[in-house]
Structure formats: C-alpha cells, structure tokens
C-alpha cells in the first residue's frame, strides 16, 4: 500500500521493479485477466512505509519468484498517471537491474519458471519479441531491447506517461 492521496478518487503509489536478464531474455510477471487478455510486468511491487527501495525490490522479487536478488543499477524512473478502476492513479516506478545470488531455474519450453504466487506466472520473454506482447508500462517494449544491446550503459532515464 502506497502513500494515500488527500483527494478522493485519486491514489499515489511507489513501485519498485527488477530487470533480470537471462541470455537474450528478461523475466516478466505474466498476468491473465478474466477475459483471457495477458499483460506482462517486471517483477516487483509497492514500497512499504520505512522500507528502502533496495529492500522492497529484494522482498517483492522473493515473494513472487523465490529468487534472491539485489538491486544493482537504477535504469528508469517512470511517472505513470492513469485511471485504475475508476481511481486516478499517479505511480512513481523505480526500475533496477538486479543481481541474482543463486542459480537461475530451468525454464520450460515457453520460458516459464516456477513461481510462488498463484495469481501470476513468471516467464522469460525474448528481448527481440517484446513488441509482440502487451508489456506494461509500454516504454519497456522499446527501451529494454535497445538498452540491453548497449549493456545498459546509459545513466538512469526519467520517463513520464499520462493516459486518459
């Protein structure tokens, strides 16, 4: 749960996500909606009060995947403003490269790996195929493949997306 907005019908969230590369792919959280639509987000979650960004990232990653990671380099700061089920939401997203401190699990033929939460799956998506999937936020579909080609050499980027 993020910091509350003093205005009714508005919300403010702080989200921390991890970029875990494995070969020519990145690990994504696969979310299926009741109508069958699939969207992919990077593993992560919302900052809890008093928690550091790095601790939040490690905690959320472990809760979702069972993998132990540490935050490495901050790659993106994303301000995302959108309507979330009738609530105008402003999310600050921090996207870090992560270091994996254990062996990567063997994926199945579709790139899926074991996960710990029943409402999502974990799947490796090839960087060259990101645009074929619904990746949220959408900037990741464009920037991740480009940045991976340069070994994520650029300084952190500040991005803003406003929907609706």
N, C-alpha and C. Protein backbone atom coordinates (compact mmCIF):
# COMPACT_ATOMS: atom_id res chain seq x y z
N UNK A 1 0.85 -1.17 0.00
CA UNK A 1 0.00 0.00 0.00
C UNK A 1 0.89 1.23 0.00
N UNK A 2 0.64 2.16 -0.89
CA UNK A 2 1.45 3.36 -1.02
C UNK A 2 0.91 4.50 -0.20
N UNK A 3 1.58 5.65 -0.27
CA UNK A 3 1.08 6.82 0.45
C UNK A 3 -0.26 7.25 -0.11
N UNK A 4 -1.17 7.60 0.75
CA UNK A 4 -2.52 7.97 0.32
C UNK A 4 -2.55 9.39 -0.23
N UNK A 5 -3.43 9.60 -1.17
CA UNK A 5 -3.68 10.94 -1.68
C UNK A 5 -4.74 11.58 -0.81
N UNK A 6 -4.59 12.88 -0.51
CA UNK A 6 -5.63 13.54 0.29
C UNK A 6 -6.92 13.79 -0.49
N UNK A 7 -6.90 13.58 -1.80
CA UNK A 7 -8.08 13.83 -2.63
C UNK A 7 -8.82 12.53 -2.91
N UNK A 8 -10.14 12.52 -2.71
CA UNK A 8 -10.92 11.32 -3.02
C UNK A 8 -10.84 11.00 -4.52
N UNK A 9 -10.82 9.70 -4.84
CA UNK A 9 -10.77 9.28 -6.24
C UNK A 9 -9.39 9.38 -6.86
N UNK A 10 -8.39 9.62 -6.03
CA UNK A 10 -7.00 9.70 -6.52
C UNK A 10 -6.12 8.83 -5.62
N UNK A 11 -5.07 8.30 -6.21
CA UNK A 11 -4.15 7.45 -5.46
C UNK A 11 -2.73 7.76 -5.88
N UNK A 12 -1.81 7.52 -4.99
CA UNK A 12 -0.39 7.75 -5.24
C UNK A 12 0.36 6.50 -4.81
N UNK A 13 1.17 5.92 -5.71
CA UNK A 13 1.87 4.68 -5.43
C UNK A 13 3.35 4.81 -5.73
N UNK A 14 4.16 4.06 -5.00
CA UNK A 14 5.58 3.94 -5.31
C UNK A 14 5.81 2.46 -5.60
N UNK A 15 6.30 2.16 -6.81
CA UNK A 15 6.52 0.78 -7.25
C UNK A 15 7.99 0.59 -7.58
N UNK A 16 8.54 -0.56 -7.19
CA UNK A 16 9.93 -0.89 -7.47
C UNK A 16 9.93 -2.20 -8.25
N UNK A 17 10.66 -2.22 -9.38
CA UNK A 17 10.69 -3.39 -10.26
C UNK A 17 12.13 -3.78 -10.56
N UNK A 18 12.31 -5.06 -10.88
CA UNK A 18 13.63 -5.58 -11.20
C UNK A 18 13.73 -6.08 -12.62
N UNK A 19 14.85 -5.80 -13.24
CA UNK A 19 15.16 -6.27 -14.59
C UNK A 19 16.18 -7.40 -14.43
N UNK A 20 15.71 -8.63 -14.61
CA UNK A 20 16.57 -9.81 -14.50
C UNK A 20 16.75 -10.39 -15.90
N UNK A 21 17.93 -10.16 -16.46
CA UNK A 21 18.25 -10.70 -17.79
C UNK A 21 18.75 -12.12 -17.64
N UNK A 22 18.38 -12.93 -18.62
CA UNK A 22 18.86 -14.31 -18.68
C UNK A 22 19.08 -14.63 -20.15
N UNK A 23 20.33 -14.61 -20.59
CA UNK A 23 20.64 -14.80 -22.00
C UNK A 23 20.06 -13.65 -22.80
N UNK A 24 19.24 -13.96 -23.80
CA UNK A 24 18.65 -12.93 -24.66
C UNK A 24 17.22 -12.59 -24.23
N UNK A 25 16.90 -12.85 -22.95
CA UNK A 25 15.54 -12.65 -22.46
C UNK A 25 15.55 -11.92 -21.12
N UNK A 26 14.37 -11.44 -20.73
CA UNK A 26 14.17 -10.79 -19.43
C UNK A 26 12.98 -11.47 -18.76
N UNK A 27 13.06 -11.62 -17.44
CA UNK A 27 11.99 -12.25 -16.68
C UNK A 27 10.84 -11.27 -16.47
N UNK A 28 9.62 -11.71 -16.82
CA UNK A 28 8.42 -10.90 -16.64
C UNK A 28 7.39 -11.68 -15.83
N UNK A 29 6.51 -10.92 -15.18
CA UNK A 29 5.36 -11.44 -14.47
C UNK A 29 4.22 -11.51 -15.49
N UNK A 30 3.60 -12.66 -15.64
CA UNK A 30 2.50 -12.83 -16.58
C UNK A 30 1.17 -12.75 -15.84
N UNK A 31 0.35 -11.77 -16.22
CA UNK A 31 -0.95 -11.55 -15.58
C UNK A 31 -2.06 -11.85 -16.58
N UNK A 32 -2.95 -12.77 -16.21
CA UNK A 32 -4.10 -13.10 -17.06
C UNK A 32 -5.36 -12.50 -16.47
N UNK A 33 -6.07 -11.75 -17.30
CA UNK A 33 -7.33 -11.14 -16.86
C UNK A 33 -8.46 -12.14 -17.09
N UNK A 34 -9.60 -11.97 -16.41
CA UNK A 34 -10.72 -12.92 -16.56
C UNK A 34 -11.13 -13.15 -18.02
N UNK A 35 -11.05 -12.15 -18.89
CA UNK A 35 -11.42 -12.32 -20.29
C UNK A 35 -10.37 -13.01 -21.12
N UNK A 36 -9.23 -13.37 -20.52
CA UNK A 36 -8.17 -14.07 -21.24
C UNK A 36 -7.03 -13.19 -21.70
N UNK A 37 -7.18 -11.86 -21.60
CA UNK A 37 -6.11 -10.95 -22.00
C UNK A 37 -4.89 -11.15 -21.10
N UNK A 38 -3.71 -11.11 -21.70
CA UNK A 38 -2.47 -11.31 -20.96
C UNK A 38 -1.64 -10.03 -21.02
N UNK A 39 -1.10 -9.63 -19.88
CA UNK A 39 -0.19 -8.48 -19.81
C UNK A 39 1.05 -8.91 -19.04
N UNK A 40 2.17 -8.29 -19.37
CA UNK A 40 3.45 -8.61 -18.74
C UNK A 40 4.02 -7.39 -18.04
N UNK A 41 4.40 -7.57 -16.78
CA UNK A 41 5.06 -6.55 -15.97
C UNK A 41 6.37 -7.14 -15.47
N UNK A 42 7.30 -6.27 -15.15
CA UNK A 42 8.52 -6.74 -14.50
C UNK A 42 8.19 -7.11 -13.05
N UNK A 43 8.86 -8.13 -12.50
CA UNK A 43 8.61 -8.49 -11.10
C UNK A 43 8.91 -7.30 -10.18
N UNK A 44 8.10 -7.15 -9.17
CA UNK A 44 8.28 -6.07 -8.21
C UNK A 44 6.99 -5.80 -7.48
N UNK A 45 6.96 -4.66 -6.80
CA UNK A 45 5.75 -4.34 -6.06
C UNK A 45 5.85 -2.99 -5.41
N UNK A 46 4.93 -2.75 -4.49
CA UNK A 46 4.80 -1.44 -3.86
C UNK A 46 5.64 -1.32 -2.60
N UNK A 47 6.23 -0.17 -2.45
CA UNK A 47 7.06 0.17 -1.31
C UNK A 47 6.21 0.25 -0.05
N UNK A 48 6.70 -0.36 1.02
CA UNK A 48 6.04 -0.26 2.31
C UNK A 48 6.71 0.83 3.14
N UNK A 49 5.96 1.42 4.05
CA UNK A 49 6.47 2.51 4.86
C UNK A 49 7.75 2.09 5.59
N UNK A 50 8.77 2.94 5.51
CA UNK A 50 10.03 2.69 6.20
C UNK A 50 10.99 1.77 5.47
N UNK A 51 10.56 1.21 4.35
CA UNK A 51 11.37 0.25 3.60
C UNK A 51 12.23 1.01 2.58
N UNK A 52 13.46 0.56 2.37
CA UNK A 52 14.28 1.15 1.32
C UNK A 52 13.86 0.57 -0.02
N UNK A 53 14.21 1.27 -1.10
CA UNK A 53 13.90 0.77 -2.43
C UNK A 53 14.55 -0.60 -2.65
N UNK A 54 15.81 -0.74 -2.24
CA UNK A 54 16.54 -2.00 -2.44
C UNK A 54 15.91 -3.14 -1.66
N UNK A 55 15.52 -2.89 -0.43
CA UNK A 55 14.90 -3.93 0.38
C UNK A 55 13.55 -4.34 -0.20
N UNK A 56 12.77 -3.36 -0.65
CA UNK A 56 11.47 -3.64 -1.27
C UNK A 56 11.65 -4.53 -2.49
N UNK A 57 12.62 -4.19 -3.32
CA UNK A 57 12.86 -4.97 -4.53
C UNK A 57 13.21 -6.42 -4.18
N UNK A 58 14.13 -6.61 -3.26
CA UNK A 58 14.53 -7.97 -2.87
C UNK A 58 13.34 -8.74 -2.28
N UNK A 59 12.56 -8.08 -1.42
CA UNK A 59 11.41 -8.73 -0.79
C UNK A 59 10.36 -9.14 -1.82
N UNK A 60 9.98 -8.20 -2.67
CA UNK A 60 8.94 -8.48 -3.66
C UNK A 60 9.39 -9.57 -4.64
N UNK A 61 10.63 -9.49 -5.09
CA UNK A 61 11.15 -10.49 -6.03
C UNK A 61 11.10 -11.88 -5.39
N UNK A 62 11.51 -11.98 -4.12
CA UNK A 62 11.50 -13.27 -3.44
C UNK A 62 10.06 -13.77 -3.25
N UNK A 63 9.15 -12.88 -2.85
CA UNK A 63 7.77 -13.28 -2.64
C UNK A 63 7.15 -13.83 -3.92
N UNK A 64 7.48 -13.24 -5.06
CA UNK A 64 6.87 -13.64 -6.33
C UNK A 64 7.58 -14.81 -7.00
N UNK A 65 8.91 -14.86 -6.89
CA UNK A 65 9.66 -15.84 -7.67
C UNK A 65 10.41 -16.86 -6.84
N UNK A 66 10.68 -16.55 -5.57
CA UNK A 66 11.54 -17.41 -4.76
C UNK A 66 13.01 -17.17 -5.02
N UNK A 67 13.33 -16.21 -5.89
CA UNK A 67 14.73 -15.91 -6.22
C UNK A 67 15.26 -14.80 -5.33
N UNK A 68 16.52 -14.94 -4.94
CA UNK A 68 17.18 -13.91 -4.15
C UNK A 68 17.94 -12.98 -5.09
N UNK A 69 17.55 -11.71 -5.08
CA UNK A 69 18.21 -10.71 -5.93
C UNK A 69 18.57 -9.50 -5.08
N UNK A 70 19.51 -8.74 -5.60
CA UNK A 70 19.87 -7.45 -5.01
C UNK A 70 19.79 -6.40 -6.09
N UNK A 71 19.33 -5.21 -5.69
CA UNK A 71 19.26 -4.08 -6.62
C UNK A 71 20.68 -3.72 -7.04
N UNK A 72 20.85 -3.48 -8.33
CA UNK A 72 22.15 -3.09 -8.86
C UNK A 72 22.03 -1.65 -9.33
N UNK A 73 21.89 -1.45 -10.61
CA UNK A 73 21.89 -0.11 -11.20
C UNK A 73 20.46 0.36 -11.46
N UNK A 74 20.15 1.58 -11.04
CA UNK A 74 18.86 2.19 -11.37
C UNK A 74 18.85 2.55 -12.85
N UNK A 75 17.86 2.03 -13.58
CA UNK A 75 17.80 2.26 -15.02
C UNK A 75 16.75 3.29 -15.43
N UNK A 76 15.58 3.22 -14.81
CA UNK A 76 14.47 4.09 -15.20
C UNK A 76 13.74 4.58 -13.95
N UNK A 77 13.33 5.83 -13.99
CA UNK A 77 12.35 6.38 -13.05
C UNK A 77 11.17 6.76 -13.93
N UNK A 78 10.02 6.17 -13.64
CA UNK A 78 8.85 6.34 -14.51
C UNK A 78 7.69 6.92 -13.71
N UNK A 79 7.21 8.06 -14.15
CA UNK A 79 5.99 8.64 -13.59
C UNK A 79 4.84 8.22 -14.50
N UNK A 80 3.89 7.52 -13.93
CA UNK A 80 2.81 6.92 -14.70
C UNK A 80 1.49 7.40 -14.11
N UNK A 81 0.73 8.12 -14.90
CA UNK A 81 -0.57 8.63 -14.46
C UNK A 81 -1.64 7.99 -15.34
N UNK A 82 -2.60 7.30 -14.71
CA UNK A 82 -3.63 6.60 -15.45
C UNK A 82 -4.85 6.38 -14.58
N UNK A 83 -5.93 5.91 -15.20
CA UNK A 83 -7.14 5.54 -14.47
C UNK A 83 -7.08 4.06 -14.13
N UNK A 84 -7.14 3.76 -12.85
CA UNK A 84 -7.05 2.40 -12.36
C UNK A 84 -8.38 2.04 -11.70
N UNK A 85 -9.27 1.41 -12.48
CA UNK A 85 -10.60 1.01 -11.99
C UNK A 85 -11.35 2.19 -11.36
N UNK A 86 -11.35 3.31 -12.10
CA UNK A 86 -12.10 4.48 -11.65
C UNK A 86 -11.36 5.40 -10.70
N UNK A 87 -10.12 5.07 -10.37
CA UNK A 87 -9.32 5.90 -9.48
C UNK A 87 -8.15 6.47 -10.28
N UNK A 88 -8.04 7.79 -10.31
CA UNK A 88 -6.92 8.44 -11.00
C UNK A 88 -5.67 8.15 -10.18
N UNK A 89 -4.69 7.49 -10.79
CA UNK A 89 -3.52 6.98 -10.08
C UNK A 89 -2.24 7.60 -10.62
N UNK A 90 -1.37 8.02 -9.72
CA UNK A 90 -0.04 8.54 -10.06
C UNK A 90 0.95 7.59 -9.40
N UNK A 91 1.68 6.87 -10.25
CA UNK A 91 2.64 5.89 -9.75
C UNK A 91 4.05 6.37 -10.08
N UNK A 92 4.93 6.31 -9.08
CA UNK A 92 6.35 6.54 -9.30
C UNK A 92 6.99 5.16 -9.35
N UNK A 93 7.58 4.80 -10.49
CA UNK A 93 8.20 3.50 -10.66
C UNK A 93 9.70 3.61 -10.74
N UNK A 94 10.39 2.78 -9.98
CA UNK A 94 11.85 2.71 -10.00
C UNK A 94 12.23 1.34 -10.54
N UNK A 95 12.98 1.32 -11.63
CA UNK A 95 13.34 0.09 -12.33
C UNK A 95 14.84 -0.13 -12.24
N UNK A 96 15.22 -1.22 -11.56
CA UNK A 96 16.62 -1.53 -11.31
C UNK A 96 17.05 -2.79 -12.07
N UNK A 97 18.29 -2.79 -12.56
CA UNK A 97 18.91 -4.06 -12.93
C UNK A 97 19.12 -4.80 -11.62
N UNK A 98 19.01 -6.13 -11.65
CA UNK A 98 19.23 -6.89 -10.42
C UNK A 98 20.33 -7.92 -10.63
N UNK A 99 21.00 -8.22 -9.52
CA UNK A 99 21.98 -9.30 -9.47
C UNK A 99 21.31 -10.49 -8.82
N UNK A 100 21.38 -11.63 -9.46
CA UNK A 100 20.82 -12.87 -8.93
C UNK A 100 21.90 -13.56 -8.12
N UNK A 101 21.60 -13.89 -6.86
CA UNK A 101 22.61 -14.51 -5.99
C UNK A 101 22.46 -16.02 -5.91
N UNK A 102 21.70 -16.60 -6.83
CA UNK A 102 21.56 -18.06 -6.90
C UNK A 102 21.46 -18.45 -8.36
N UNK A 103 21.35 -19.73 -8.61
CA UNK A 103 21.25 -20.21 -9.98
C UNK A 103 19.86 -19.92 -10.54
N UNK A 104 19.81 -19.56 -11.83
CA UNK A 104 18.52 -19.31 -12.47
C UNK A 104 17.83 -20.65 -12.71
N UNK A 105 16.54 -20.75 -12.37
CA UNK A 105 15.83 -22.03 -12.58
C UNK A 105 15.70 -22.35 -14.07
N UNK A 106 15.60 -23.61 -14.38
CA UNK A 106 15.46 -24.04 -15.77
C UNK A 106 14.05 -23.74 -16.25
N UNK A 107 13.93 -22.92 -17.30
CA UNK A 107 12.59 -22.61 -17.82
C UNK A 107 12.04 -23.76 -18.66
N UNK A 108 10.70 -23.81 -18.79
CA UNK A 108 10.10 -24.80 -19.67
C UNK A 108 10.19 -24.30 -21.11
N UNK A 109 9.57 -25.00 -22.04
CA UNK A 109 9.67 -24.66 -23.47
C UNK A 109 9.10 -23.28 -23.79
N UNK A 110 8.15 -22.80 -22.97
CA UNK A 110 7.55 -21.47 -23.19
C UNK A 110 8.25 -20.38 -22.39
N UNK A 111 9.36 -20.72 -21.71
CA UNK A 111 10.09 -19.72 -20.94
C UNK A 111 9.57 -19.53 -19.53
N UNK A 112 8.64 -20.37 -19.09
CA UNK A 112 8.08 -20.22 -17.75
C UNK A 112 8.98 -20.87 -16.70
N UNK A 113 9.03 -20.22 -15.54
CA UNK A 113 9.79 -20.77 -14.42
C UNK A 113 8.85 -20.91 -13.22
N UNK A 114 9.23 -21.71 -12.22
CA UNK A 114 8.40 -21.83 -11.03
C UNK A 114 8.21 -20.47 -10.37
N UNK A 115 7.05 -20.29 -9.72
CA UNK A 115 6.76 -19.04 -9.04
C UNK A 115 6.02 -19.34 -7.76
N UNK A 116 5.87 -18.31 -6.91
CA UNK A 116 5.31 -18.53 -5.59
C UNK A 116 3.91 -17.98 -5.41
N UNK A 117 3.44 -17.14 -6.30
CA UNK A 117 2.11 -16.55 -6.14
C UNK A 117 1.17 -17.12 -7.19
N UNK A 118 0.00 -17.56 -6.75
CA UNK A 118 -0.92 -18.26 -7.65
C UNK A 118 -1.58 -17.36 -8.69
N UNK A 119 -1.66 -16.06 -8.43
CA UNK A 119 -2.37 -15.17 -9.35
C UNK A 119 -1.51 -14.66 -10.51
N UNK A 120 -0.22 -14.96 -10.51
CA UNK A 120 0.66 -14.57 -11.63
C UNK A 120 1.56 -15.72 -11.99
N UNK A 121 2.12 -15.65 -13.19
CA UNK A 121 3.14 -16.60 -13.61
C UNK A 121 4.42 -15.84 -13.87
N UNK A 122 5.53 -16.54 -14.01
CA UNK A 122 6.81 -15.92 -14.33
C UNK A 122 7.30 -16.51 -15.64
N UNK A 123 7.65 -15.62 -16.56
CA UNK A 123 8.02 -16.07 -17.90
C UNK A 123 9.15 -15.23 -18.47
N UNK A 124 10.11 -15.90 -19.08
CA UNK A 124 11.16 -15.21 -19.82
C UNK A 124 10.61 -14.80 -21.17
N UNK A 125 10.78 -13.54 -21.51
CA UNK A 125 10.40 -13.05 -22.85
C UNK A 125 11.67 -12.61 -23.56
N UNK A 126 11.82 -13.10 -24.78
CA UNK A 126 12.99 -12.71 -25.58
C UNK A 126 12.91 -11.23 -25.89
N UNK A 127 14.03 -10.55 -25.75
CA UNK A 127 14.08 -9.11 -25.99
C UNK A 127 13.65 -8.75 -27.40
N UNK A 128 14.00 -9.58 -28.36
CA UNK A 128 13.65 -9.30 -29.76
C UNK A 128 12.15 -9.45 -30.03
N UNK A 129 11.41 -10.05 -29.10
CA UNK A 129 9.99 -10.30 -29.30
C UNK A 129 9.09 -9.50 -28.35
N UNK A 130 9.66 -8.57 -27.59
CA UNK A 130 8.86 -7.83 -26.60
C UNK A 130 7.69 -7.09 -27.22
N UNK A 131 7.87 -6.54 -28.41
CA UNK A 131 6.80 -5.76 -29.03
C UNK A 131 5.60 -6.63 -29.43
N UNK A 132 5.77 -7.94 -29.47
CA UNK A 132 4.66 -8.84 -29.80
C UNK A 132 3.74 -9.08 -28.61
N UNK A 133 4.19 -8.67 -27.42
CA UNK A 133 3.44 -8.90 -26.19
C UNK A 133 2.93 -7.57 -25.63
N UNK A 134 1.92 -7.65 -24.78
CA UNK A 134 1.44 -6.45 -24.09
C UNK A 134 2.29 -6.28 -22.83
N UNK A 135 3.32 -5.44 -22.96
CA UNK A 135 4.24 -5.16 -21.86
C UNK A 135 3.82 -3.83 -21.23
N UNK A 136 3.69 -3.84 -19.90
CA UNK A 136 3.25 -2.66 -19.17
C UNK A 136 4.31 -2.29 -18.13
N UNK A 137 4.71 -1.02 -18.08
CA UNK A 137 4.38 0.07 -18.98
C UNK A 137 5.01 -0.13 -20.35
N UNK A 138 4.39 0.47 -21.35
CA UNK A 138 4.75 0.21 -22.75
C UNK A 138 6.15 0.65 -23.12
N UNK A 139 6.74 1.61 -22.42
CA UNK A 139 8.09 2.05 -22.77
C UNK A 139 9.10 0.92 -22.70
N UNK A 140 8.83 -0.10 -21.87
CA UNK A 140 9.76 -1.21 -21.72
C UNK A 140 9.94 -1.99 -23.03
N UNK A 141 8.88 -2.10 -23.81
CA UNK A 141 8.97 -2.82 -25.09
C UNK A 141 9.94 -2.18 -26.05
N UNK A 142 10.09 -0.87 -25.97
CA UNK A 142 11.03 -0.16 -26.84
C UNK A 142 12.42 -0.05 -26.23
N UNK A 143 12.49 0.32 -24.95
CA UNK A 143 13.78 0.63 -24.35
C UNK A 143 14.60 -0.58 -23.91
N UNK A 144 13.95 -1.61 -23.37
CA UNK A 144 14.73 -2.76 -22.89
C UNK A 144 15.59 -3.40 -23.97
N UNK A 145 15.06 -3.71 -25.16
CA UNK A 145 15.93 -4.32 -26.18
C UNK A 145 17.09 -3.40 -26.58
N UNK A 146 16.78 -2.13 -26.74
CA UNK A 146 17.80 -1.15 -27.12
C UNK A 146 18.88 -1.04 -26.03
N UNK A 147 18.46 -0.93 -24.79
CA UNK A 147 19.41 -0.77 -23.69
C UNK A 147 20.21 -2.04 -23.44
N UNK A 148 19.61 -3.20 -23.63
CA UNK A 148 20.34 -4.46 -23.46
C UNK A 148 21.46 -4.58 -24.49
N UNK A 149 21.21 -4.10 -25.72
CA UNK A 149 22.26 -4.15 -26.75
C UNK A 149 23.49 -3.35 -26.35
N UNK A 150 23.31 -2.31 -25.55
CA UNK A 150 24.44 -1.48 -25.10
C UNK A 150 24.85 -1.84 -23.67
N UNK A 151 24.44 -3.00 -23.20
CA UNK A 151 24.76 -3.49 -21.85
C UNK A 151 24.32 -2.51 -20.77
N UNK A 152 23.21 -1.83 -21.01
CA UNK A 152 22.63 -0.89 -20.04
C UNK A 152 23.66 0.15 -19.59
N UNK A 153 24.39 0.69 -20.56
CA UNK A 153 25.50 1.61 -20.26
C UNK A 153 25.06 3.04 -19.95
N UNK A 154 23.84 3.42 -20.27
CA UNK A 154 23.42 4.81 -20.09
C UNK A 154 23.08 5.12 -18.63
N UNK A 155 23.09 6.40 -18.27
CA UNK A 155 22.64 6.78 -16.91
C UNK A 155 21.14 6.57 -16.78
N UNK A 156 20.60 6.63 -15.55
CA UNK A 156 19.15 6.45 -15.37
C UNK A 156 18.36 7.44 -16.22
N UNK A 157 17.21 6.98 -16.71
CA UNK A 157 16.32 7.82 -17.52
C UNK A 157 15.06 8.14 -16.73
N UNK A 158 14.58 9.37 -16.90
CA UNK A 158 13.32 9.79 -16.28
C UNK A 158 12.28 9.84 -17.38
N UNK A 159 11.20 9.09 -17.22
CA UNK A 159 10.15 8.98 -18.23
C UNK A 159 8.82 9.33 -17.61
N UNK A 160 7.92 9.90 -18.42
CA UNK A 160 6.59 10.25 -17.95
C UNK A 160 5.57 9.73 -18.95
N UNK A 161 4.55 9.02 -18.46
CA UNK A 161 3.45 8.54 -19.28
C UNK A 161 2.15 9.00 -18.64
N UNK A 162 1.31 9.64 -19.45
CA UNK A 162 -0.01 10.06 -18.98
C UNK A 162 -1.06 9.43 -19.89
N UNK A 163 -1.98 8.71 -19.28
CA UNK A 163 -3.07 8.08 -20.03
C UNK A 163 -4.39 8.66 -19.54
N UNK A 164 -5.28 8.88 -20.48
CA UNK A 164 -6.63 9.32 -20.14
C UNK A 164 -6.76 10.74 -19.68
